[in-house]
Amino acid sequence: MGASDSVEPPRTPEAQAKLDKWLEGRVAGEPKTCVKTEIVTSAIGIDDRTMLFRDSPRIWRTELRASLQCGQLGKQATIHTESAASRVCSGQQLEFSDGGIDGACVFGDFTPYTKSK
């Protein structure tokens, strides 16, 4: 197996349960490269691979390209993005500070999840 064949480590049971809870009853839509900046203010850290954002009635999911403490991101975090526009895109960085924990994440594409009908 070469370096390009790396396999993601399994998600912890706690992180998987948290992800399942947030996405329960929802269906994935078409991934987007960019989303409105406002949605990143409601970030939910699942683990160092996955982050969710609430945007009623949708929940957006991004698989992170890089992560430093992103699974620790909480509701009271102060969030900063690189974007000067009104949107954030895949490949851009989010930095946060949350009760003594500082971290940074690089976004992947954003997949919307909506309630199934």
PDB file of N, CA and C in Angstrom:
ATOM      1  N   MET A   1       0.855  -1.177   0.000  1.00  0.00           N
ATOM      2  CA  MET A   1       0.000   0.000   0.000  1.00  0.00           C
ATOM      3  C   MET A   1       0.897   1.234   0.000  1.00  0.00           C
ATOM      4  N   GLY A   2       0.718   2.125  -0.969  1.00  0.00           N
ATOM      5  CA  GLY A   2       1.510   3.340  -1.076  1.00  0.00           C
ATOM      6  C   GLY A   2       0.927   4.462  -0.243  1.00  0.00           C
ATOM      7  N   ALA A   3       1.661   5.574  -0.165  1.00  0.00           N
ATOM      8  CA  ALA A   3       1.215   6.727   0.623  1.00  0.00           C
ATOM      9  C   ALA A   3      -0.096   7.285   0.110  1.00  0.00           C
ATOM     10  N   SER A   4      -0.356   7.186  -1.193  1.00  0.00           N
ATOM     11  CA  SER A   4      -1.595   7.727  -1.745  1.00  0.00           C
ATOM     12  C   SER A   4      -2.786   6.823  -1.453  1.00  0.00           C
ATOM     13  N   ASP A   5      -2.528   5.613  -0.937  1.00  0.00           N
ATOM     14  CA  ASP A   5      -3.597   4.674  -0.640  1.00  0.00           C
ATOM     15  C   ASP A   5      -4.022   4.714   0.822  1.00  0.00           C
ATOM     16  N   SER A   6      -3.705   5.798   1.517  1.00  0.00           N
ATOM     17  CA  SER A   6      -4.007   5.859   2.948  1.00  0.00           C
ATOM     18  C   SER A   6      -5.506   5.743   3.190  1.00  0.00           C
ATOM     19  N   VAL A   7      -5.854   5.104   4.297  1.00  0.00           N
ATOM     20  CA  VAL A   7      -7.237   4.894   4.674  1.00  0.00           C
ATOM     21  C   VAL A   7      -7.513   5.745   5.908  1.00  0.00           C
ATOM     22  N   GLU A   8      -8.669   6.419   5.898  1.00  0.00           N
ATOM     23  CA  GLU A   8      -9.054   7.224   7.052  1.00  0.00           C
ATOM     24  C   GLU A   8      -9.231   6.324   8.267  1.00  0.00           C
ATOM     25  N   PRO A   9      -8.762   6.751   9.434  1.00  0.00           N
ATOM     26  CA  PRO A   9      -9.012   5.953  10.638  1.00  0.00           C
ATOM     27  C   PRO A   9     -10.509   5.948  10.938  1.00  0.00           C
ATOM     28  N   PRO A  10     -10.988   4.900  11.576  1.00  0.00           N
ATOM     29  CA  PRO A  10     -12.423   4.858  11.873  1.00  0.00           C
ATOM     30  C   PRO A  10     -12.815   5.989  12.827  1.00  0.00           C
ATOM     31  N   ARG A  11     -14.036   6.458  12.676  1.00  0.00           N
ATOM     32  CA  ARG A  11     -14.580   7.494  13.546  1.00  0.00           C
ATOM     33  C   ARG A  11     -14.841   6.863  14.917  1.00  0.00           C
ATOM     34  N   THR A  12     -14.628   7.612  15.991  1.00  0.00           N
ATOM     35  CA  THR A  12     -14.919   7.075  17.320  1.00  0.00           C
ATOM     36  C   THR A  12     -16.425   6.841  17.453  1.00  0.00           C
ATOM     37  N   PRO A  13     -16.835   5.917  18.303  1.00  0.00           N
ATOM     38  CA  PRO A  13     -18.271   5.686  18.499  1.00  0.00           C
ATOM     39  C   PRO A  13     -19.004   6.959  18.941  1.00  0.00           C
ATOM     40  N   GLU A  14     -18.348   7.778  19.769  1.00  0.00           N
ATOM     41  CA  GLU A  14     -18.977   9.024  20.235  1.00  0.00           C
ATOM     42  C   GLU A  14     -19.196   9.996  19.082  1.00  0.00           C
ATOM     43  N   ALA A  15     -18.176  10.144  18.234  1.00  0.00           N
ATOM     44  CA  ALA A  15     -18.292  11.050  17.086  1.00  0.00           C
ATOM     45  C   ALA A  15     -19.331  10.537  16.098  1.00  0.00           C
ATOM     46  N   GLN A  16     -19.364   9.226  15.867  1.00  0.00           N
ATOM     47  CA  GLN A  16     -20.353   8.664  14.945  1.00  0.00           C
ATOM     48  C   GLN A  16     -21.760   8.866  15.473  1.00  0.00           C
ATOM     49  N   ALA A  17     -21.955   8.686  16.778  1.00  0.00           N
ATOM     50  CA  ALA A  17     -23.278   8.894  17.379  1.00  0.00           C
ATOM     51  C   ALA A  17     -23.703  10.356  17.248  1.00  0.00           C
ATOM     52  N   LYS A  18     -22.773  11.278  17.446  1.00  0.00           N
ATOM     53  CA  LYS A  18     -23.074  12.710  17.316  1.00  0.00           C
ATOM     54  C   LYS A  18     -23.454  13.044  15.871  1.00  0.00           C
ATOM     55  N   LEU A  19     -22.699  12.531  14.918  1.00  0.00           N
ATOM     56  CA  LEU A  19     -22.993  12.761  13.502  1.00  0.00           C
ATOM     57  C   LEU A  19     -24.351  12.175  13.135  1.00  0.00           C
ATOM     58  N   ASP A  20     -24.617  10.940  13.565  1.00  0.00           N
ATOM     59  CA  ASP A  20     -25.900  10.291  13.272  1.00  0.00           C
ATOM     60  C   ASP A  20     -27.063  11.077  13.849  1.00  0.00           C
ATOM     61  N   LYS A  21     -26.894  11.597  15.065  1.00  0.00           N
ATOM     62  CA  LYS A  21     -27.960  12.365  15.704  1.00  0.00           C
ATOM     63  C   LYS A  21     -28.306  13.611  14.886  1.00  0.00           C
ATOM     64  N   TRP A  22     -27.295  14.342  14.434  1.00  0.00           N
ATOM     65  CA  TRP A  22     -27.538  15.574  13.676  1.00  0.00           C
ATOM     66  C   TRP A  22     -28.123  15.310  12.295  1.00  0.00           C
ATOM     67  N   LEU A  23     -27.760  14.190  11.668  1.00  0.00           N
ATOM     68  CA  LEU A  23     -28.202  13.931  10.296  1.00  0.00           C
ATOM     69  C   LEU A  23     -29.394  12.989  10.207  1.00  0.00           C
ATOM     70  N   GLU A  24     -29.879  12.516  11.342  1.00  0.00           N
ATOM     71  CA  GLU A  24     -31.010  11.585  11.365  1.00  0.00           C
ATOM     72  C   GLU A  24     -32.217  12.167  10.636  1.00  0.00           C
ATOM     73  N   GLY A  25     -32.780  11.373   9.736  1.00  0.00           N
ATOM     74  CA  GLY A  25     -33.975  11.791   9.002  1.00  0.00           C
ATOM     75  C   GLY A  25     -33.706  12.795   7.889  1.00  0.00           C
ATOM     76  N   ARG A  26     -32.440  12.999   7.565  1.00  0.00           N
ATOM     77  CA  ARG A  26     -32.071  13.970   6.526  1.00  0.00           C
ATOM     78  C   ARG A  26     -31.464  13.245   5.323  1.00  0.00           C
ATOM     79  N   VAL A  27     -31.595  13.891   4.174  1.00  0.00           N
ATOM     80  CA  VAL A  27     -31.091  13.338   2.923  1.00  0.00           C
ATOM     81  C   VAL A  27     -30.045  14.289   2.358  1.00  0.00           C
ATOM     82  N   ALA A  28     -28.924  13.724   1.884  1.00  0.00           N
ATOM     83  CA  ALA A  28     -27.848  14.532   1.311  1.00  0.00           C
ATOM     84  C   ALA A  28     -28.263  15.083  -0.043  1.00  0.00           C
ATOM     85  N   GLY A  29     -27.907  16.344  -0.276  1.00  0.00           N
ATOM     86  CA  GLY A  29     -28.135  16.981  -1.563  1.00  0.00           C
ATOM     87  C   GLY A  29     -26.844  17.052  -2.354  1.00  0.00           C
ATOM     88  N   GLU A  30     -26.861  17.863  -3.390  1.00  0.00           N
ATOM     89  CA  GLU A  30     -25.690  18.045  -4.258  1.00  0.00           C
ATOM     90  C   GLU A  30     -24.639  18.889  -3.538  1.00  0.00           C
ATOM     91  N   PRO A  31     -23.390  18.402  -3.457  1.00  0.00           N
ATOM     92  CA  PRO A  31     -22.331  19.191  -2.802  1.00  0.00           C
ATOM     93  C   PRO A  31     -22.101  20.529  -3.506  1.00  0.00           C
ATOM     94  N   LYS A  32     -21.744  21.527  -2.719  1.00  0.00           N
ATOM     95  CA  LYS A  32     -21.455  22.869  -3.217  1.00  0.00           C
ATOM     96  C   LYS A  32     -20.011  23.203  -2.871  1.00  0.00           C
ATOM     97  N   THR A  33     -19.375  24.000  -3.721  1.00  0.00           N
ATOM     98  CA  THR A  33     -18.012  24.433  -3.472  1.00  0.00           C
ATOM     99  C   THR A  33     -17.982  25.579  -2.476  1.00  0.00           C
ATOM    100  N   CYS A  34     -18.998  26.453  -2.505  1.00  0.00           N
ATOM    101  CA  CYS A  34     -19.053  27.627  -1.628  1.00  0.00           C
ATOM    102  C   CYS A  34     -20.426  27.740  -0.967  1.00  0.00           C
ATOM    103  N   VAL A  35     -20.455  28.349   0.220  1.00  0.00           N
ATOM    104  CA  VAL A  35     -21.699  28.637   0.939  1.00  0.00           C
ATOM    105  C   VAL A  35     -21.606  30.043   1.528  1.00  0.00           C
ATOM    106  N   LYS A  36     -22.749  30.581   1.939  1.00  0.00           N
ATOM    107  CA  LYS A  36     -22.768  31.906   2.556  1.00  0.00           C
ATOM    108  C   LYS A  36     -21.984  31.900   3.862  1.00  0.00           C
ATOM    109  N   THR A  37     -21.273  32.980   4.100  1.00  0.00           N
ATOM    110  CA  THR A  37     -20.440  33.099   5.297  1.00  0.00           C
ATOM    111  C   THR A  37     -21.239  32.910   6.584  1.00  0.00           C
ATOM    112  N   GLU A  38     -22.489  33.367   6.597  1.00  0.00           N
ATOM    113  CA  GLU A  38     -23.293  33.295   7.824  1.00  0.00           C
ATOM    114  C   GLU A  38     -23.411  31.890   8.393  1.00  0.00           C
ATOM    115  N   ILE A  39     -23.388  30.875   7.549  1.00  0.00           N
ATOM    116  CA  ILE A  39     -23.606  29.526   8.090  1.00  0.00           C
ATOM    117  C   ILE A  39     -22.455  29.046   8.957  1.00  0.00           C
ATOM    118  N   VAL A  40     -21.242  29.556   8.731  1.00  0.00           N
ATOM    119  CA  VAL A  40     -20.113  29.042   9.516  1.00  0.00           C
ATOM    120  C   VAL A  40     -20.141  29.527  10.964  1.00  0.00           C
ATOM    121  N   THR A  41     -20.993  30.486  11.277  1.00  0.00           N
ATOM    122  CA  THR A  41     -21.098  30.937  12.666  1.00  0.00           C
ATOM    123  C   THR A  41     -21.838  29.930  13.532  1.00  0.00           C
ATOM    124  N   SER A  42     -22.510  28.974  12.913  1.00  0.00           N
ATOM    125  CA  SER A  42     -23.229  27.945  13.676  1.00  0.00           C
ATOM    126  C   SER A  42     -22.545  26.591  13.507  1.00  0.00           C
ATOM    127  N   ALA A  43     -21.242  26.573  13.670  1.00  0.00           N
ATOM    128  CA  ALA A  43     -20.443  25.365  13.447  1.00  0.00           C
ATOM    129  C   ALA A  43     -20.611  24.353  14.578  1.00  0.00           C
ATOM    130  N   ILE A  44     -20.582  23.084  14.201  1.00  0.00           N
ATOM    131  CA  ILE A  44     -20.652  21.969  15.137  1.00  0.00           C
ATOM    132  C   ILE A  44     -19.481  21.044  14.817  1.00  0.00           C
ATOM    133  N   GLY A  45     -18.510  20.947  15.712  1.00  0.00           N
ATOM    134  CA  GLY A  45     -17.381  20.056  15.500  1.00  0.00           C
ATOM    135  C   GLY A  45     -17.774  18.629  15.826  1.00  0.00           C
ATOM    136  N   ILE A  46     -17.654  17.743  14.863  1.00  0.00           N
ATOM    137  CA  ILE A  46     -17.946  16.325  15.092  1.00  0.00           C
ATOM    138  C   ILE A  46     -16.669  15.617  15.529  1.00  0.00           C
ATOM    139  N   ASP A  47     -15.639  15.766  14.735  1.00  0.00           N
ATOM    140  CA  ASP A  47     -14.310  15.245  15.042  1.00  0.00           C
ATOM    141  C   ASP A  47     -13.331  16.024  14.174  1.00  0.00           C
ATOM    142  N   ASP A  48     -12.095  15.579  14.117  1.00  0.00           N
ATOM    143  CA  ASP A  48     -11.103  16.319  13.332  1.00  0.00           C
ATOM    144  C   ASP A  48     -11.198  16.049  11.833  1.00  0.00           C
ATOM    145  N   ARG A  49     -12.239  15.359  11.410  1.00  0.00           N
ATOM    146  CA  ARG A  49     -12.482  15.112   9.983  1.00  0.00           C
ATOM    147  C   ARG A  49     -13.750  15.767   9.473  1.00  0.00           C
ATOM    148  N   THR A  50     -14.719  15.982  10.347  1.00  0.00           N
ATOM    149  CA  THR A  50     -16.050  16.403   9.907  1.00  0.00           C
ATOM    150  C   THR A  50     -16.565  17.565  10.738  1.00  0.00           C
ATOM    151  N   MET A  51     -17.176  18.518  10.048  1.00  0.00           N
ATOM    152  CA  MET A  51     -17.809  19.654  10.707  1.00  0.00           C
ATOM    153  C   MET A  51     -19.188  19.856  10.078  1.00  0.00           C
ATOM    154  N   LEU A  52     -20.143  20.230  10.921  1.00  0.00           N
ATOM    155  CA  LEU A  52     -21.496  20.539  10.454  1.00  0.00           C
ATOM    156  C   LEU A  52     -21.792  22.008  10.719  1.00  0.00           C
ATOM    157  N   PHE A  53     -22.752  22.549   9.956  1.00  0.00           N
ATOM    158  CA  PHE A  53     -23.232  23.921  10.141  1.00  0.00           C
ATOM    159  C   PHE A  53     -24.742  23.917  10.042  1.00  0.00           C
ATOM    160  N   ARG A  54     -25.404  24.573  10.981  1.00  0.00           N
ATOM    161  CA  ARG A  54     -26.863  24.675  10.955  1.00  0.00           C
ATOM    162  C   ARG A  54     -27.276  25.898  10.157  1.00  0.00           C
ATOM    163  N   ASP A  55     -28.205  25.692   9.252  1.00  0.00           N
ATOM    164  CA  ASP A  55     -28.774  26.753   8.433  1.00  0.00           C
ATOM    165  C   ASP A  55     -30.214  26.336   8.164  1.00  0.00           C
ATOM    166  N   SER A  56     -31.085  26.589   9.130  1.00  0.00           N
ATOM    167  CA  SER A  56     -32.462  26.074   9.026  1.00  0.00           C
ATOM    168  C   SER A  56     -33.015  26.326   7.650  1.00  0.00           C
ATOM    169  N   PRO A  57     -33.616  25.334   7.062  1.00  0.00           N
ATOM    170  CA  PRO A  57     -33.873  23.982   7.580  1.00  0.00           C
ATOM    171  C   PRO A  57     -32.767  22.986   7.236  1.00  0.00           C
ATOM    172  N   ARG A  58     -31.665  23.459   6.690  1.00  0.00           N
ATOM    173  CA  ARG A  58     -30.579  22.572   6.270  1.00  0.00           C
ATOM    174  C   ARG A  58     -29.506  22.429   7.348  1.00  0.00           C
ATOM    175  N   ILE A  59     -28.786  21.335   7.220  1.00  0.00           N
ATOM    176  CA  ILE A  59     -27.521  21.153   7.923  1.00  0.00           C
ATOM    177  C   ILE A  59     -26.499  20.886   6.825  1.00  0.00           C
ATOM    178  N   TRP A  60     -25.412  21.636   6.859  1.00  0.00           N
ATOM    179  CA  TRP A  60     -24.337  21.468   5.883  1.00  0.00           C
ATOM    180  C   TRP A  60     -23.227  20.639   6.515  1.00  0.00           C
ATOM    181  N   ARG A  61     -22.648  19.750   5.727  1.00  0.00           N
ATOM    182  CA  ARG A  61     -21.552  18.893   6.192  1.00  0.00           C
ATOM    183  C   ARG A  61     -20.326  19.155   5.326  1.00  0.00           C
ATOM    184  N   THR A  62     -19.182  19.286   5.956  1.00  0.00           N
ATOM    185  CA  THR A  62     -17.929  19.367   5.217  1.00  0.00           C
ATOM    186  C   THR A  62     -16.944  18.372   5.798  1.00  0.00           C
ATOM    187  N   GLU A  63     -16.282  17.666   4.907  1.00  0.00           N
ATOM    188  CA  GLU A  63     -15.193  16.779   5.304  1.00  0.00           C
ATOM    189  C   GLU A  63     -13.926  17.624   5.202  1.00  0.00           C
ATOM    190  N   LEU A  64     -13.271  17.818   6.312  1.00  0.00           N
ATOM    191  CA  LEU A  64     -12.153  18.748   6.397  1.00  0.00           C
ATOM    192  C   LEU A  64     -10.916  18.228   5.673  1.00  0.00           C
ATOM    193  N   ARG A  65     -10.238  19.123   4.975  1.00  0.00           N
ATOM    194  CA  ARG A  65      -8.985  18.771   4.288  1.00  0.00           C
ATOM    195  C   ARG A  65      -7.822  18.765   5.269  1.00  0.00           C
ATOM    196  N   ALA A  66      -7.917  19.604   6.295  1.00  0.00           N
ATOM    197  CA  ALA A  66      -6.905  19.669   7.347  1.00  0.00           C
ATOM    198  C   ALA A  66      -7.599  20.132   8.622  1.00  0.00           C
ATOM    199  N   SER A  67      -7.072  19.720   9.769  1.00  0.00           N
ATOM    200  CA  SER A  67      -7.752  20.035  11.018  1.00  0.00           C
ATOM    201  C   SER A  67      -6.769  20.079  12.177  1.00  0.00           C
ATOM    202  N   LEU A  68      -6.941  21.080  13.017  1.00  0.00           N
ATOM    203  CA  LEU A  68      -6.213  21.184  14.267  1.00  0.00           C
ATOM    204  C   LEU A  68      -7.247  21.508  15.343  1.00  0.00           C
ATOM    205  N   GLN A  69      -7.648  20.512  16.105  1.00  0.00           N
ATOM    206  CA  GLN A  69      -8.611  20.660  17.201  1.00  0.00           C
ATOM    207  C   GLN A  69     -10.046  20.942  16.738  1.00  0.00           C
ATOM    208  N   CYS A  70     -10.384  20.707  15.472  1.00  0.00           N
ATOM    209  CA  CYS A  70     -11.722  21.066  14.976  1.00  0.00           C
ATOM    210  C   CYS A  70     -12.842  20.282  15.644  1.00  0.00           C
ATOM    211  N   GLY A  71     -12.540  19.085  16.113  1.00  0.00           N
ATOM    212  CA  GLY A  71     -13.541  18.311  16.831  1.00  0.00           C
ATOM    213  C   GLY A  71     -13.910  18.919  18.173  1.00  0.00           C
ATOM    214  N   GLN A  72     -13.095  19.860  18.655  1.00  0.00           N
ATOM    215  CA  GLN A  72     -13.333  20.514  19.937  1.00  0.00           C
ATOM    216  C   GLN A  72     -14.180  21.779  19.809  1.00  0.00           C
ATOM    217  N   LEU A  73     -14.515  22.168  18.588  1.00  0.00           N
ATOM    218  CA  LEU A  73     -15.271  23.393  18.350  1.00  0.00           C
ATOM    219  C   LEU A  73     -16.628  23.319  19.029  1.00  0.00           C
ATOM    220  N   GLY A  74     -16.938  24.300  19.863  1.00  0.00           N
ATOM    221  CA  GLY A  74     -18.204  24.332  20.594  1.00  0.00           C
ATOM    222  C   GLY A  74     -19.053  25.527  20.233  1.00  0.00           C
ATOM    223  N   LYS A  75     -20.236  25.595  20.847  1.00  0.00           N
ATOM    224  CA  LYS A  75     -21.212  26.644  20.543  1.00  0.00           C
ATOM    225  C   LYS A  75     -20.738  28.038  20.907  1.00  0.00           C
ATOM    226  N   GLN A  76     -19.846  28.168  21.862  1.00  0.00           N
ATOM    227  CA  GLN A  76     -19.403  29.484  22.329  1.00  0.00           C
ATOM    228  C   GLN A  76     -18.127  29.957  21.629  1.00  0.00           C
ATOM    229  N   ALA A  77     -17.694  29.257  20.609  1.00  0.00           N
ATOM    230  CA  ALA A  77     -16.435  29.583  19.936  1.00  0.00           C
ATOM    231  C   ALA A  77     -16.508  30.917  19.201  1.00  0.00           C
ATOM    232  N   THR A  78     -15.385  31.609  19.188  1.00  0.00           N
ATOM    233  CA  THR A  78     -15.216  32.789  18.351  1.00  0.00           C
ATOM    234  C   THR A  78     -14.585  32.300  17.063  1.00  0.00           C
ATOM    235  N   ILE A  79     -15.253  32.576  15.929  1.00  0.00           N
ATOM    236  CA  ILE A  79     -14.843  32.023  14.643  1.00  0.00           C
ATOM    237  C   ILE A  79     -14.370  33.122  13.707  1.00  0.00           C
ATOM    238  N   HIS A  80     -13.285  32.835  12.979  1.00  0.00           N
ATOM    239  CA  HIS A  80     -12.749  33.752  11.971  1.00  0.00           C
ATOM    240  C   HIS A  80     -12.519  32.956  10.690  1.00  0.00           C
ATOM    241  N   THR A  81     -12.835  33.574   9.542  1.00  0.00           N
ATOM    242  CA  THR A  81     -12.557  32.935   8.255  1.00  0.00           C
ATOM    243  C   THR A  81     -11.673  33.848   7.414  1.00  0.00           C
ATOM    244  N   GLU A  82     -11.050  33.273   6.390  1.00  0.00           N
ATOM    245  CA  GLU A  82     -10.197  34.025   5.479  1.00  0.00           C
ATOM    246  C   GLU A  82     -11.000  34.859   4.496  1.00  0.00           C
ATOM    247  N   SER A  83     -12.281  34.592   4.372  1.00  0.00           N
ATOM    248  CA  SER A  83     -13.087  35.175   3.309  1.00  0.00           C
ATOM    249  C   SER A  83     -13.394  36.647   3.528  1.00  0.00           C
ATOM    250  N   ALA A  84     -13.105  37.448   2.500  1.00  0.00           N
ATOM    251  CA  ALA A  84     -13.483  38.862   2.524  1.00  0.00           C
ATOM    252  C   ALA A  84     -14.812  39.039   1.805  1.00  0.00           C
ATOM    253  N   ALA A  85     -15.249  38.014   1.092  1.00  0.00           N
ATOM    254  CA  ALA A  85     -16.525  38.056   0.368  1.00  0.00           C
ATOM    255  C   ALA A  85     -17.637  37.560   1.295  1.00  0.00           C
ATOM    256  N   SER A  86     -18.818  37.443   0.770  1.00  0.00           N
ATOM    257  CA  SER A  86     -19.944  36.982   1.577  1.00  0.00           C
ATOM    258  C   SER A  86     -20.106  35.470   1.499  1.00  0.00           C
ATOM    259  N   ARG A  87     -19.041  34.766   1.152  1.00  0.00           N
ATOM    260  CA  ARG A  87     -19.094  33.307   1.075  1.00  0.00           C
ATOM    261  C   ARG A  87     -17.754  32.707   1.480  1.00  0.00           C
ATOM    262  N   VAL A  88     -17.814  31.461   1.880  1.00  0.00           N
ATOM    263  CA  VAL A  88     -16.602  30.683   2.146  1.00  0.00           C
ATOM    264  C   VAL A  88     -16.615  29.498   1.192  1.00  0.00           C
ATOM    265  N   CYS A  89     -15.437  29.056   0.809  1.00  0.00           N
ATOM    266  CA  CYS A  89     -15.336  28.013  -0.207  1.00  0.00           C
ATOM    267  C   CYS A  89     -14.409  26.887   0.240  1.00  0.00           C
ATOM    268  N   SER A  90     -14.552  25.771  -0.424  1.00  0.00           N
ATOM    269  CA  SER A  90     -13.677  24.631  -0.223  1.00  0.00           C
ATOM    270  C   SER A  90     -12.227  25.092  -0.365  1.00  0.00           C
ATOM    271  N   GLY A  91     -11.376  24.661   0.555  1.00  0.00           N
ATOM    272  CA  GLY A  91      -9.974  25.047   0.533  1.00  0.00           C
ATOM    273  C   GLY A  91      -9.650  26.245   1.422  1.00  0.00           C
ATOM    274  N   GLN A  92     -10.696  26.969   1.865  1.00  0.00           N
ATOM    275  CA  GLN A  92     -10.455  28.108   2.754  1.00  0.00           C
ATOM    276  C   GLN A  92     -10.362  27.637   4.195  1.00  0.00           C
ATOM    277  N   GLN A  93      -9.763  28.479   5.027  1.00  0.00           N
ATOM    278  CA  GLN A  93      -9.501  28.126   6.419  1.00  0.00           C
ATOM    279  C   GLN A  93     -10.445  28.845   7.372  1.00  0.00           C
ATOM    280  N   LEU A  94     -10.823  28.131   8.420  1.00  0.00           N
ATOM    281  CA  LEU A  94     -11.570  28.687   9.543  1.00  0.00           C
ATOM    282  C   LEU A  94     -10.654  28.570  10.751  1.00  0.00           C
ATOM    283  N   GLU A  95     -10.559  29.649  11.524  1.00  0.00           N
ATOM    284  CA  GLU A  95      -9.812  29.615  12.782  1.00  0.00           C
ATOM    285  C   GLU A  95     -10.798  29.881  13.902  1.00  0.00           C
ATOM    286  N   PHE A  96     -10.553  29.298  15.066  1.00  0.00           N
ATOM    287  CA  PHE A  96     -11.464  29.514  16.194  1.00  0.00           C
ATOM    288  C   PHE A  96     -10.721  29.510  17.515  1.00  0.00           C
ATOM    289  N   SER A  97     -11.387  30.114  18.483  1.00  0.00           N
ATOM    290  CA  SER A  97     -10.929  30.108  19.861  1.00  0.00           C
ATOM    291  C   SER A  97     -12.147  29.771  20.708  1.00  0.00           C
ATOM    292  N   ASP A  98     -11.999  28.803  21.587  1.00  0.00           N
ATOM    293  CA  ASP A  98     -13.150  28.339  22.367  1.00  0.00           C
ATOM    294  C   ASP A  98     -12.688  27.919  23.764  1.00  0.00           C
ATOM    295  N   GLY A  99     -12.793  28.828  24.709  1.00  0.00           N
ATOM    296  CA  GLY A  99     -12.473  28.508  26.093  1.00  0.00           C
ATOM    297  C   GLY A  99     -11.071  27.987  26.308  1.00  0.00           C
ATOM    298  N   GLY A 100     -10.091  28.608  25.701  1.00  0.00           N
ATOM    299  CA  GLY A 100      -8.716  28.193  25.869  1.00  0.00           C
ATOM    300  C   GLY A 100      -8.228  27.211  24.823  1.00  0.00           C
ATOM    301  N   ILE A 101      -9.121  26.733  23.965  1.00  0.00           N
ATOM    302  CA  ILE A 101      -8.729  25.845  22.870  1.00  0.00           C
ATOM    303  C   ILE A 101      -8.706  26.678  21.596  1.00  0.00           C
ATOM    304  N   ASP A 102      -7.558  26.698  20.925  1.00  0.00           N
ATOM    305  CA  ASP A 102      -7.445  27.368  19.639  1.00  0.00           C
ATOM    306  C   ASP A 102      -7.296  26.298  18.574  1.00  0.00           C
ATOM    307  N   GLY A 103      -7.911  26.532  17.411  1.00  0.00           N
ATOM    308  CA  GLY A 103      -7.825  25.546  16.350  1.00  0.00           C
ATOM    309  C   GLY A 103      -8.001  26.171  14.988  1.00  0.00           C
ATOM    310  N   ALA A 104      -7.788  25.358  13.981  1.00  0.00           N
ATOM    311  CA  ALA A 104      -7.957  25.778  12.592  1.00  0.00           C
ATOM    312  C   ALA A 104      -8.398  24.581  11.763  1.00  0.00           C
ATOM    313  N   CYS A 105      -9.227  24.854  10.755  1.00  0.00           N
ATOM    314  CA  CYS A 105      -9.763  23.815   9.889  1.00  0.00           C
ATOM    315  C   CYS A 105      -9.726  24.313   8.456  1.00  0.00           C
ATOM    316  N   VAL A 106      -9.482  23.429   7.514  1.00  0.00           N
ATOM    317  CA  VAL A 106      -9.563  23.762   6.096  1.00  0.00           C
ATOM    318  C   VAL A 106     -10.761  23.008   5.529  1.00  0.00           C
ATOM    319  N   PHE A 107     -11.707  23.764   4.962  1.00  0.00           N
ATOM    320  CA  PHE A 107     -12.954  23.190   4.457  1.00  0.00           C
ATOM    321  C   PHE A 107     -12.751  22.317   3.227  1.00  0.00           C
ATOM    322  N   GLY A 108     -13.591  21.287   3.127  1.00  0.00           N
ATOM    323  CA  GLY A 108     -13.785  20.549   1.891  1.00  0.00           C
ATOM    324  C   GLY A 108     -15.053  21.099   1.251  1.00  0.00           C
ATOM    325  N   ASP A 109     -15.660  20.367   0.325  1.00  0.00           N
ATOM    326  CA  ASP A 109     -16.937  20.784  -0.246  1.00  0.00           C
ATOM    327  C   ASP A 109     -18.014  20.730   0.835  1.00  0.00           C
ATOM    328  N   PHE A 110     -19.114  21.421   0.595  1.00  0.00           N
ATOM    329  CA  PHE A 110     -20.213  21.521   1.546  1.00  0.00           C
ATOM    330  C   PHE A 110     -21.419  20.759   0.994  1.00  0.00           C
ATOM    331  N   THR A 111     -21.888  19.771   1.748  1.00  0.00           N
ATOM    332  CA  THR A 111     -23.042  18.979   1.323  1.00  0.00           C
ATOM    333  C   THR A 111     -24.243  19.336   2.189  1.00  0.00           C
ATOM    334  N   PRO A 112     -25.365  19.779   1.550  1.00  0.00           N
ATOM    335  CA  PRO A 112     -26.556  20.115   2.331  1.00  0.00           C
ATOM    336  C   PRO A 112     -27.349  18.840   2.666  1.00  0.00           C
ATOM    337  N   TYR A 113     -27.888  18.812   3.859  1.00  0.00           N
ATOM    338  CA  TYR A 113     -28.778  17.733   4.289  1.00  0.00           C
ATOM    339  C   TYR A 113     -30.105  18.364   4.677  1.00  0.00           C
ATOM    340  N   THR A 114     -31.191  17.875   4.082  1.00  0.00           N
ATOM    341  CA  THR A 114     -32.522  18.388   4.380  1.00  0.00           C
ATOM    342  C   THR A 114     -33.398  17.235   4.870  1.00  0.00           C
ATOM    343  N   LYS A 115     -34.442  17.598   5.603  1.00  0.00           N
ATOM    344  CA  LYS A 115     -35.378  16.592   6.110  1.00  0.00           C
ATOM    345  C   LYS A 115     -36.020  15.870   4.937  1.00  0.00           C
ATOM    346  N   SER A 116     -36.107  14.538   5.047  1.00  0.00           N
ATOM    347  CA  SER A 116     -36.788  13.777   3.991  1.00  0.00           C
ATOM    348  C   SER A 116     -38.287  13.998   4.128  1.00  0.00           C
ATOM    349  N   LYS A 117     -38.969  13.942   2.995  1.00  0.00           N
ATOM    350  CA  LYS A 117     -40.417  14.231   2.998  1.00  0.00           C
ATOM    351  C   LYS A 117     -41.234  12.985   3.079  1.00  0.00           C
TER     352      LYS A 117
END
